[in-house]
Amino acid sequence: MSHEAVRVEGLSKIFDPDVRALTDVDLTVEEGEFLVVIGLSGSGKSTLLRCINRLIDPTEGRIWLFGEEMTGAEGARLRRLRTQIGMIFQQFNLVKRHTVQTNVLSGSLGRSSLLGTLLLRYSEEEQAQARAALERVGLGGRGRSRADRLSGGQQQRVAVARALMQEPRLILADEPVASLDPALRHSVMRHIEALNREEGMTVVCTLHDVDLIQRYATRLVALRDGRLVYEGRPDEFDADTFRDIYGTDAEPATSQLFGTDGEEATA
């Protein structure tokens, strides 16, 4: 029996009278899914993720997280709900002057004492958990390095380890590989996939690359001008669908799904 991880009903976000980022979005994410959200820049993808986590408040609509309503939650209740959500950002959001291990330990903020957090004091159990998380993403020997000494791909793997440290039920990944060279993107996405497949964490991830969508998504939705315009399986995503979402002049940046002339590849 499936259970809902996230349910969004009638979600709209207006930043000012001239900027309507989301309009009447309805979306359900089942536990254990790896849902990918696609769309042009400015289509509302990041706004959707930030509304789910209540980093920004929706203008209209309601949001539920694992059956408990997020809309209107404040104070201790909102903090408790947020401990179930791990965020992975495009720009890593690490404290560059801190060590790699300290950055990972910050994922335990929801469970640690405020004083201990301010003083960067963590229990031996938390230290061991952070080391294990770094081993999990292939950075077991880099815990004492400053975060800014790592490559972009390594810094994003630190961000994945930080999310793992948090022990969330839901991962929200906002363009997690957009800042990385194409050769490094799969190395990070495989670690996010492992959180989904091996740890059972639900993932909602915004992406652009068609090959990544095909490889990692279990379901796909698309936004255009703040509205939900497509929902389906990755294997249903063809050239016509791509152009419906991105525009008739757009061409997918891959040869794995489509041929060079824009027609679906037959090989």
C-alpha atoms as a PDB file:
ATOM      1  CA  MET A   1       0.000   0.000   0.000  1.00  0.00           C
ATOM      2  CA  SER A   2       1.432   3.368  -1.045  1.00  0.00           C
ATOM      3  CA  HIS A   3       1.448   6.424   1.188  1.00  0.00           C
ATOM      4  CA  GLU A   4       1.747  10.079   0.333  1.00  0.00           C
ATOM      5  CA  ALA A   5       5.002  11.801   1.147  1.00  0.00           C
ATOM      6  CA  VAL A   6       3.865  15.185  -0.204  1.00  0.00           C
ATOM      7  CA  ARG A   7       0.498  16.501  -1.287  1.00  0.00           C
ATOM      8  CA  VAL A   8       0.050  19.961  -2.774  1.00  0.00           C
ATOM      9  CA  GLU A   9      -3.393  21.387  -3.541  1.00  0.00           C
ATOM     10  CA  GLY A  10      -4.130  24.631  -5.354  1.00  0.00           C
ATOM     11  CA  LEU A  11      -0.634  25.994  -4.729  1.00  0.00           C
ATOM     12  CA  SER A  12      -0.014  29.519  -6.001  1.00  0.00           C
ATOM     13  CA  LYS A  13       2.819  31.933  -5.287  1.00  0.00           C
ATOM     14  CA  ILE A  14       2.762  35.601  -6.261  1.00  0.00           C
ATOM     15  CA  PHE A  15       5.871  37.635  -5.465  1.00  0.00           C
ATOM     16  CA  ASP A  16       4.387  40.916  -6.649  1.00  0.00           C
ATOM     17  CA  PRO A  17       1.533  41.839  -8.985  1.00  0.00           C
ATOM     18  CA  ASP A  18       3.745  41.232 -12.013  1.00  0.00           C
ATOM     19  CA  VAL A  19       5.425  37.996 -10.919  1.00  0.00           C
ATOM     20  CA  ARG A  20       3.202  34.942 -10.567  1.00  0.00           C
ATOM     21  CA  ALA A  21       5.645  32.089  -9.956  1.00  0.00           C
ATOM     22  CA  LEU A  22       3.095  29.287  -9.419  1.00  0.00           C
ATOM     23  CA  THR A  23      -0.567  29.036 -10.358  1.00  0.00           C
ATOM     24  CA  ASP A  24      -3.000  26.456  -8.937  1.00  0.00           C
ATOM     25  CA  VAL A  25      -0.553  23.523  -8.798  1.00  0.00           C
ATOM     26  CA  ASP A  26      -1.879  20.140  -7.640  1.00  0.00           C
ATOM     27  CA  LEU A  27       0.740  17.451  -7.032  1.00  0.00           C
ATOM     28  CA  THR A  28       1.068  14.225  -5.068  1.00  0.00           C
ATOM     29  CA  VAL A  29       4.376  12.476  -4.376  1.00  0.00           C
ATOM     30  CA  GLU A  30       4.224   8.910  -3.105  1.00  0.00           C
ATOM     31  CA  GLU A  31       6.683   7.609  -0.527  1.00  0.00           C
ATOM     32  CA  GLY A  32       9.712   6.057  -2.176  1.00  0.00           C
ATOM     33  CA  GLU A  33       9.365   7.921  -5.468  1.00  0.00           C
ATOM     34  CA  PHE A  34      12.202   9.655  -7.291  1.00  0.00           C
ATOM     35  CA  LEU A  35      10.177  12.467  -8.820  1.00  0.00           C
ATOM     36  CA  VAL A  36      11.927  14.789 -11.264  1.00  0.00           C
ATOM     37  CA  VAL A  37      10.512  18.262 -11.964  1.00  0.00           C
ATOM     38  CA  ILE A  38      11.505  19.862 -15.261  1.00  0.00           C
ATOM     39  CA  GLY A  39      10.824  23.132 -17.052  1.00  0.00           C
ATOM     40  CA  LEU A  40      12.485  26.252 -18.373  1.00  0.00           C
ATOM     41  CA  SER A  41      14.326  28.597 -16.039  1.00  0.00           C
ATOM     42  CA  GLY A  42      11.684  30.720 -14.353  1.00  0.00           C
ATOM     43  CA  SER A  43       8.968  28.082 -14.745  1.00  0.00           C
ATOM     44  CA  GLY A  44       8.523  27.795 -10.963  1.00  0.00           C
ATOM     45  CA  LYS A  45      10.565  24.668 -10.153  1.00  0.00           C
ATOM     46  CA  SER A  46      12.654  26.164  -7.352  1.00  0.00           C
ATOM     47  CA  THR A  47       9.647  28.039  -5.986  1.00  0.00           C
ATOM     48  CA  LEU A  48       7.737  24.767  -5.747  1.00  0.00           C
ATOM     49  CA  LEU A  49      10.504  23.121  -3.701  1.00  0.00           C
ATOM     50  CA  ARG A  50      10.857  26.128  -1.425  1.00  0.00           C
ATOM     51  CA  CYS A  51       7.118  26.223  -0.792  1.00  0.00           C
ATOM     52  CA  ILE A  52       7.124  22.525   0.117  1.00  0.00           C
ATOM     53  CA  ASN A  53       9.841  23.182   2.691  1.00  0.00           C
ATOM     54  CA  ARG A  54       8.205  26.462   3.759  1.00  0.00           C
ATOM     55  CA  LEU A  55      11.378  28.393   3.015  1.00  0.00           C
ATOM     56  CA  ILE A  56       8.852  30.700   1.400  1.00  0.00           C
ATOM     57  CA  ASP A  57       5.142  30.870   2.166  1.00  0.00           C
ATOM     58  CA  PRO A  58       2.619  30.115  -0.565  1.00  0.00           C
ATOM     59  CA  THR A  59       0.143  32.820  -1.506  1.00  0.00           C
ATOM     60  CA  GLU A  60      -2.658  30.285  -1.847  1.00  0.00           C
ATOM     61  CA  GLY A  61      -3.082  26.557  -1.455  1.00  0.00           C
ATOM     62  CA  ARG A  62      -2.241  23.831   1.047  1.00  0.00           C
ATOM     63  CA  ILE A  63       0.723  21.482   1.561  1.00  0.00           C
ATOM     64  CA  TRP A  64       0.872  18.198   3.484  1.00  0.00           C
ATOM     65  CA  LEU A  65       4.030  16.346   4.508  1.00  0.00           C
ATOM     66  CA  PHE A  66       3.551  12.657   5.334  1.00  0.00           C
ATOM     67  CA  GLY A  67      -0.083  13.330   6.156  1.00  0.00           C
ATOM     68  CA  GLU A  68       0.533  16.385   8.360  1.00  0.00           C
ATOM     69  CA  GLU A  69      -0.328  19.826   7.035  1.00  0.00           C
ATOM     70  CA  MET A  70       2.637  22.182   6.608  1.00  0.00           C
ATOM     71  CA  THR A  71       0.515  25.173   5.641  1.00  0.00           C
ATOM     72  CA  GLY A  72       0.333  27.556   8.561  1.00  0.00           C
ATOM     73  CA  ALA A  73       2.788  25.576  10.735  1.00  0.00           C
ATOM     74  CA  GLU A  74       4.948  27.849  12.871  1.00  0.00           C
ATOM     75  CA  GLY A  75       7.596  27.710  15.583  1.00  0.00           C
ATOM     76  CA  ALA A  76       8.466  24.339  17.081  1.00  0.00           C
ATOM     77  CA  ARG A  77       5.937  22.483  14.927  1.00  0.00           C
ATOM     78  CA  LEU A  78       7.418  23.862  11.700  1.00  0.00           C
ATOM     79  CA  ARG A  79      10.949  23.035  12.878  1.00  0.00           C
ATOM     80  CA  ARG A  80       9.858  19.478  13.687  1.00  0.00           C
ATOM     81  CA  LEU A  81       8.293  19.034  10.262  1.00  0.00           C
ATOM     82  CA  ARG A  82      11.390  20.421   8.558  1.00  0.00           C
ATOM     83  CA  THR A  83      13.623  17.840  10.244  1.00  0.00           C
ATOM     84  CA  GLN A  84      11.985  15.319   7.917  1.00  0.00           C
ATOM     85  CA  ILE A  85      13.232  17.229   4.852  1.00  0.00           C
ATOM     86  CA  GLY A  86      16.809  17.335   3.591  1.00  0.00           C
ATOM     87  CA  MET A  87      17.717  20.057   1.089  1.00  0.00           C
ATOM     88  CA  ILE A  88      20.423  19.821  -1.570  1.00  0.00           C
ATOM     89  CA  PHE A  89      21.069  23.103  -3.382  1.00  0.00           C
ATOM     90  CA  GLN A  90      22.675  23.946  -6.714  1.00  0.00           C
ATOM     91  CA  GLN A  91      25.399  26.056  -5.054  1.00  0.00           C
ATOM     92  CA  PHE A  92      26.142  23.500  -2.308  1.00  0.00           C
ATOM     93  CA  ASN A  93      25.438  25.941   0.593  1.00  0.00           C
ATOM     94  CA  LEU A  94      28.476  24.835   2.593  1.00  0.00           C
ATOM     95  CA  VAL A  95      30.323  26.966   5.142  1.00  0.00           C
ATOM     96  CA  LYS A  96      33.543  27.179   3.154  1.00  0.00           C
ATOM     97  CA  ARG A  97      35.843  28.016   6.084  1.00  0.00           C
ATOM     98  CA  HIS A  98      34.621  25.049   8.136  1.00  0.00           C
ATOM     99  CA  THR A  99      35.905  21.523   7.771  1.00  0.00           C
ATOM    100  CA  VAL A 100      34.097  18.977   5.649  1.00  0.00           C
ATOM    101  CA  GLN A 101      33.080  17.028   8.754  1.00  0.00           C
ATOM    102  CA  THR A 102      31.699  20.120  10.494  1.00  0.00           C
ATOM    103  CA  ASN A 103      29.589  20.858   7.427  1.00  0.00           C
ATOM    104  CA  VAL A 104      28.212  17.323   7.507  1.00  0.00           C
ATOM    105  CA  LEU A 105      27.539  17.576  11.241  1.00  0.00           C
ATOM    106  CA  SER A 106      25.365  20.622  10.599  1.00  0.00           C
ATOM    107  CA  GLY A 107      22.841  18.162   9.203  1.00  0.00           C
ATOM    108  CA  SER A 108      22.086  17.123  12.791  1.00  0.00           C
ATOM    109  CA  LEU A 109      20.967  20.618  13.809  1.00  0.00           C
ATOM    110  CA  GLY A 110      17.399  19.525  14.352  1.00  0.00           C
ATOM    111  CA  ARG A 111      18.527  16.960  16.939  1.00  0.00           C
ATOM    112  CA  SER A 112      21.442  18.760  18.606  1.00  0.00           C
ATOM    113  CA  SER A 113      21.298  21.267  21.441  1.00  0.00           C
ATOM    114  CA  LEU A 114      21.417  24.923  20.442  1.00  0.00           C
ATOM    115  CA  LEU A 115      24.459  25.609  22.646  1.00  0.00           C
ATOM    116  CA  GLY A 116      26.344  22.630  21.275  1.00  0.00           C
ATOM    117  CA  THR A 117      25.603  23.749  17.748  1.00  0.00           C
ATOM    118  CA  LEU A 118      26.783  27.313  18.405  1.00  0.00           C
ATOM    119  CA  LEU A 119      30.009  26.012  19.922  1.00  0.00           C
ATOM    120  CA  LEU A 120      30.436  23.368  17.196  1.00  0.00           C
ATOM    121  CA  ARG A 121      30.399  20.651  19.853  1.00  0.00           C
ATOM    122  CA  TYR A 122      28.947  17.313  18.815  1.00  0.00           C
ATOM    123  CA  SER A 123      28.699  13.975  20.539  1.00  0.00           C
ATOM    124  CA  GLU A 124      30.989  11.079  19.661  1.00  0.00           C
ATOM    125  CA  GLU A 125      27.971   9.302  18.234  1.00  0.00           C
ATOM    126  CA  GLU A 126      27.271  12.245  15.927  1.00  0.00           C
ATOM    127  CA  GLN A 127      30.948  12.414  14.936  1.00  0.00           C
ATOM    128  CA  ALA A 128      30.900   8.712  14.044  1.00  0.00           C
ATOM    129  CA  GLN A 129      27.698   9.168  12.058  1.00  0.00           C
ATOM    130  CA  ALA A 130      29.272  12.038  10.108  1.00  0.00           C
ATOM    131  CA  ARG A 131      32.335   9.934   9.307  1.00  0.00           C
ATOM    132  CA  ALA A 132      30.082   7.120   8.106  1.00  0.00           C
ATOM    133  CA  ALA A 133      28.136   9.547   5.892  1.00  0.00           C
ATOM    134  CA  LEU A 134      31.371  10.772   4.326  1.00  0.00           C
ATOM    135  CA  GLU A 135      32.484   7.193   3.717  1.00  0.00           C
ATOM    136  CA  ARG A 136      29.150   6.606   2.048  1.00  0.00           C
ATOM    137  CA  VAL A 137      29.813   9.327  -0.542  1.00  0.00           C
ATOM    138  CA  GLY A 138      33.460   8.394  -1.082  1.00  0.00           C
ATOM    139  CA  LEU A 139      35.017  11.183   0.991  1.00  0.00           C
ATOM    140  CA  GLY A 140      36.074   9.224   4.060  1.00  0.00           C
ATOM    141  CA  GLY A 141      39.566  10.685   4.098  1.00  0.00           C
ATOM    142  CA  ARG A 142      38.563  14.341   3.655  1.00  0.00           C
ATOM    143  CA  GLY A 143      36.752  15.088   6.916  1.00  0.00           C
ATOM    144  CA  ARG A 144      39.432  17.464   8.215  1.00  0.00           C
ATOM    145  CA  SER A 145      39.834  19.378   4.946  1.00  0.00           C
ATOM    146  CA  ARG A 146      38.361  22.844   4.592  1.00  0.00           C
ATOM    147  CA  ALA A 147      35.277  22.727   2.417  1.00  0.00           C
ATOM    148  CA  ASP A 148      36.691  25.292  -0.010  1.00  0.00           C
ATOM    149  CA  ARG A 149      39.660  23.012  -0.768  1.00  0.00           C
ATOM    150  CA  LEU A 150      37.368  20.498  -2.481  1.00  0.00           C
ATOM    151  CA  SER A 151      36.273  20.413  -6.103  1.00  0.00           C
ATOM    152  CA  GLY A 152      32.703  21.290  -7.015  1.00  0.00           C
ATOM    153  CA  GLY A 153      31.722  17.650  -7.358  1.00  0.00           C
ATOM    154  CA  GLN A 154      33.256  16.824  -3.997  1.00  0.00           C
ATOM    155  CA  GLN A 155      31.493  19.773  -2.335  1.00  0.00           C
ATOM    156  CA  GLN A 156      28.152  18.573  -3.668  1.00  0.00           C
ATOM    157  CA  ARG A 157      28.879  15.100  -2.282  1.00  0.00           C
ATOM    158  CA  VAL A 158      29.500  16.768   1.091  1.00  0.00           C
ATOM    159  CA  ALA A 159      26.027  18.305   0.725  1.00  0.00           C
ATOM    160  CA  VAL A 160      24.609  14.825   0.061  1.00  0.00           C
ATOM    161  CA  ALA A 161      26.387  13.511   3.180  1.00  0.00           C
ATOM    162  CA  ARG A 162      24.930  16.409   5.178  1.00  0.00           C
ATOM    163  CA  ALA A 163      21.451  15.426   3.995  1.00  0.00           C
ATOM    164  CA  LEU A 164      22.156  11.805   4.942  1.00  0.00           C
ATOM    165  CA  MET A 165      23.283  12.977   8.394  1.00  0.00           C
ATOM    166  CA  GLN A 166      19.910  14.616   8.888  1.00  0.00           C
ATOM    167  CA  GLU A 167      18.127  11.246   8.501  1.00  0.00           C
ATOM    168  CA  PRO A 168      15.243  12.818   6.540  1.00  0.00           C
ATOM    169  CA  ARG A 169      12.311  11.045   4.967  1.00  0.00           C
ATOM    170  CA  LEU A 170      12.226  13.451   2.004  1.00  0.00           C
ATOM    171  CA  ILE A 171      15.057  14.917  -0.079  1.00  0.00           C
ATOM    172  CA  LEU A 172      14.425  18.124  -2.048  1.00  0.00           C
ATOM    173  CA  ALA A 173      17.249  18.576  -4.565  1.00  0.00           C
ATOM    174  CA  ASP A 174      17.179  21.855  -6.485  1.00  0.00           C
ATOM    175  CA  GLU A 175      19.282  21.546  -9.664  1.00  0.00           C
ATOM    176  CA  PRO A 176      21.908  19.598  -7.674  1.00  0.00           C
ATOM    177  CA  VAL A 177      24.273  19.071 -10.626  1.00  0.00           C
ATOM    178  CA  ALA A 178      23.706  22.224 -12.681  1.00  0.00           C
ATOM    179  CA  SER A 179      26.972  23.764 -11.420  1.00  0.00           C
ATOM    180  CA  LEU A 180      29.047  20.684 -12.261  1.00  0.00           C
ATOM    181  CA  ASP A 181      30.848  19.582 -15.396  1.00  0.00           C
ATOM    182  CA  PRO A 182      28.834  17.006 -17.362  1.00  0.00           C
ATOM    183  CA  ALA A 183      31.396  14.296 -16.556  1.00  0.00           C
ATOM    184  CA  LEU A 184      30.757  14.750 -12.817  1.00  0.00           C
ATOM    185  CA  ARG A 185      26.972  14.868 -12.838  1.00  0.00           C
ATOM    186  CA  HIS A 186      26.335  11.138 -12.690  1.00  0.00           C
ATOM    187  CA  SER A 187      28.816  10.770  -9.818  1.00  0.00           C
ATOM    188  CA  VAL A 188      26.624  13.019  -7.667  1.00  0.00           C
ATOM    189  CA  MET A 189      23.288  11.746  -8.965  1.00  0.00           C
ATOM    190  CA  ARG A 190      24.230   8.155  -8.120  1.00  0.00           C
ATOM    191  CA  HIS A 191      24.628   9.138  -4.474  1.00  0.00           C
ATOM    192  CA  ILE A 192      21.218  10.836  -4.454  1.00  0.00           C
ATOM    193  CA  GLU A 193      19.800   7.730  -6.110  1.00  0.00           C
ATOM    194  CA  ALA A 194      21.307   5.600  -3.321  1.00  0.00           C
ATOM    195  CA  LEU A 195      19.432   7.649  -0.709  1.00  0.00           C
ATOM    196  CA  ASN A 196      16.257   6.810  -2.594  1.00  0.00           C
ATOM    197  CA  ARG A 197      16.874   3.172  -3.474  1.00  0.00           C
ATOM    198  CA  GLU A 198      18.850   1.996  -0.446  1.00  0.00           C
ATOM    199  CA  GLU A 199      17.703   4.312   2.362  1.00  0.00           C
ATOM    200  CA  GLY A 200      14.088   4.550   1.200  1.00  0.00           C
ATOM    201  CA  MET A 201      14.082   8.357   1.132  1.00  0.00           C
ATOM    202  CA  THR A 202      11.582  10.028  -1.189  1.00  0.00           C
ATOM    203  CA  VAL A 203      13.320  12.386  -3.635  1.00  0.00           C
ATOM    204  CA  VAL A 204      11.923  15.413  -5.459  1.00  0.00           C
ATOM    205  CA  CYS A 205      14.607  16.747  -7.782  1.00  0.00           C
ATOM    206  CA  THR A 206      14.661  19.520 -10.375  1.00  0.00           C
ATOM    207  CA  LEU A 207      16.764  18.723 -13.446  1.00  0.00           C
ATOM    208  CA  HIS A 208      17.374  19.876 -17.005  1.00  0.00           C
ATOM    209  CA  ASP A 209      19.395  17.079 -18.633  1.00  0.00           C
ATOM    210  CA  VAL A 210      17.268  14.573 -20.509  1.00  0.00           C
ATOM    211  CA  ASP A 211      19.771  11.756 -19.991  1.00  0.00           C
ATOM    212  CA  LEU A 212      19.687  12.275 -16.215  1.00  0.00           C
ATOM    213  CA  ILE A 213      15.885  12.293 -16.252  1.00  0.00           C
ATOM    214  CA  GLN A 214      15.807   8.984 -18.103  1.00  0.00           C
ATOM    215  CA  ARG A 215      18.390   7.418 -15.815  1.00  0.00           C
ATOM    216  CA  TYR A 216      17.122   8.400 -12.367  1.00  0.00           C
ATOM    217  CA  ALA A 217      13.454   9.433 -12.370  1.00  0.00           C
ATOM    218  CA  THR A 218      10.653   7.051 -11.508  1.00  0.00           C
ATOM    219  CA  ARG A 219       8.123   9.745 -12.467  1.00  0.00           C
ATOM    220  CA  LEU A 220       8.305  13.073 -14.223  1.00  0.00           C
ATOM    221  CA  VAL A 221       6.311  16.312 -14.010  1.00  0.00           C
ATOM    222  CA  ALA A 222       6.817  19.561 -15.885  1.00  0.00           C
ATOM    223  CA  LEU A 223       6.063  23.187 -15.121  1.00  0.00           C
ATOM    224  CA  ARG A 224       5.580  25.928 -17.671  1.00  0.00           C
ATOM    225  CA  ASP A 225       4.895  29.522 -16.651  1.00  0.00           C
ATOM    226  CA  GLY A 226       4.108  28.317 -13.131  1.00  0.00           C
ATOM    227  CA  ARG A 227       1.518  25.741 -14.173  1.00  0.00           C
ATOM    228  CA  LEU A 228       1.764  21.964 -14.112  1.00  0.00           C
ATOM    229  CA  VAL A 229       1.587  20.959 -17.784  1.00  0.00           C
ATOM    230  CA  TYR A 230       2.831  17.357 -17.877  1.00  0.00           C
ATOM    231  CA  GLU A 231       2.949  14.241 -15.748  1.00  0.00           C
ATOM    232  CA  GLY A 232       4.154  10.812 -16.819  1.00  0.00           C
ATOM    233  CA  ARG A 233       6.832   8.140 -16.792  1.00  0.00           C
ATOM    234  CA  PRO A 234      10.346   8.841 -18.089  1.00  0.00           C
ATOM    235  CA  ASP A 235       9.943   6.239 -20.836  1.00  0.00           C
ATOM    236  CA  GLU A 236       6.937   8.200 -22.146  1.00  0.00           C
ATOM    237  CA  PHE A 237       9.000  11.368 -22.527  1.00  0.00           C
ATOM    238  CA  ASP A 238       9.609  11.860 -26.256  1.00  0.00           C
ATOM    239  CA  ALA A 239      10.667  14.633 -28.618  1.00  0.00           C
ATOM    240  CA  ASP A 240       7.138  16.011 -29.031  1.00  0.00           C
ATOM    241  CA  THR A 241       6.659  16.180 -25.267  1.00  0.00           C
ATOM    242  CA  PHE A 242      10.013  17.933 -24.917  1.00  0.00           C
ATOM    243  CA  ARG A 243       8.975  20.641 -27.376  1.00  0.00           C
ATOM    244  CA  ASP A 244       5.563  21.019 -25.744  1.00  0.00           C
ATOM    245  CA  ILE A 245       7.329  21.851 -22.483  1.00  0.00           C
ATOM    246  CA  TYR A 246      10.376  23.802 -23.672  1.00  0.00           C
ATOM    247  CA  GLY A 247       9.055  25.340 -26.902  1.00  0.00           C
ATOM    248  CA  THR A 248       9.110  24.374 -30.576  1.00  0.00           C
ATOM    249  CA  ASP A 249      12.609  25.807 -31.126  1.00  0.00           C
ATOM    250  CA  ALA A 250      14.175  23.839 -28.263  1.00  0.00           C
ATOM    251  CA  GLU A 251      16.409  20.845 -28.883  1.00  0.00           C
ATOM    252  CA  PRO A 252      17.349  18.304 -26.200  1.00  0.00           C
ATOM    253  CA  ALA A 253      21.040  18.308 -25.315  1.00  0.00           C
ATOM    254  CA  THR A 254      21.474  14.572 -25.648  1.00  0.00           C
ATOM    255  CA  SER A 255      21.795  11.899 -28.318  1.00  0.00           C
ATOM    256  CA  GLN A 256      20.700   9.112 -25.999  1.00  0.00           C
ATOM    257  CA  LEU A 257      16.973   9.835 -26.206  1.00  0.00           C
ATOM    258  CA  PHE A 258      16.675  11.753 -29.468  1.00  0.00           C
ATOM    259  CA  GLY A 259      18.463  11.685 -32.787  1.00  0.00           C
ATOM    260  CA  THR A 260      20.486  14.645 -33.992  1.00  0.00           C
ATOM    261  CA  ASP A 261      17.672  15.806 -36.266  1.00  0.00           C
ATOM    262  CA  GLY A 262      15.298  16.023 -33.309  1.00  0.00           C
ATOM    263  CA  GLU A 263      13.465  12.782 -34.106  1.00  0.00           C
ATOM    264  CA  GLU A 264      13.409   9.993 -31.571  1.00  0.00           C
ATOM    265  CA  ALA A 265      16.471   7.768 -31.810  1.00  0.00           C
ATOM    266  CA  THR A 266      15.752   4.311 -33.185  1.00  0.00           C
ATOM    267  CA  ALA A 267      18.984   2.636 -32.161  1.00  0.00           C
END
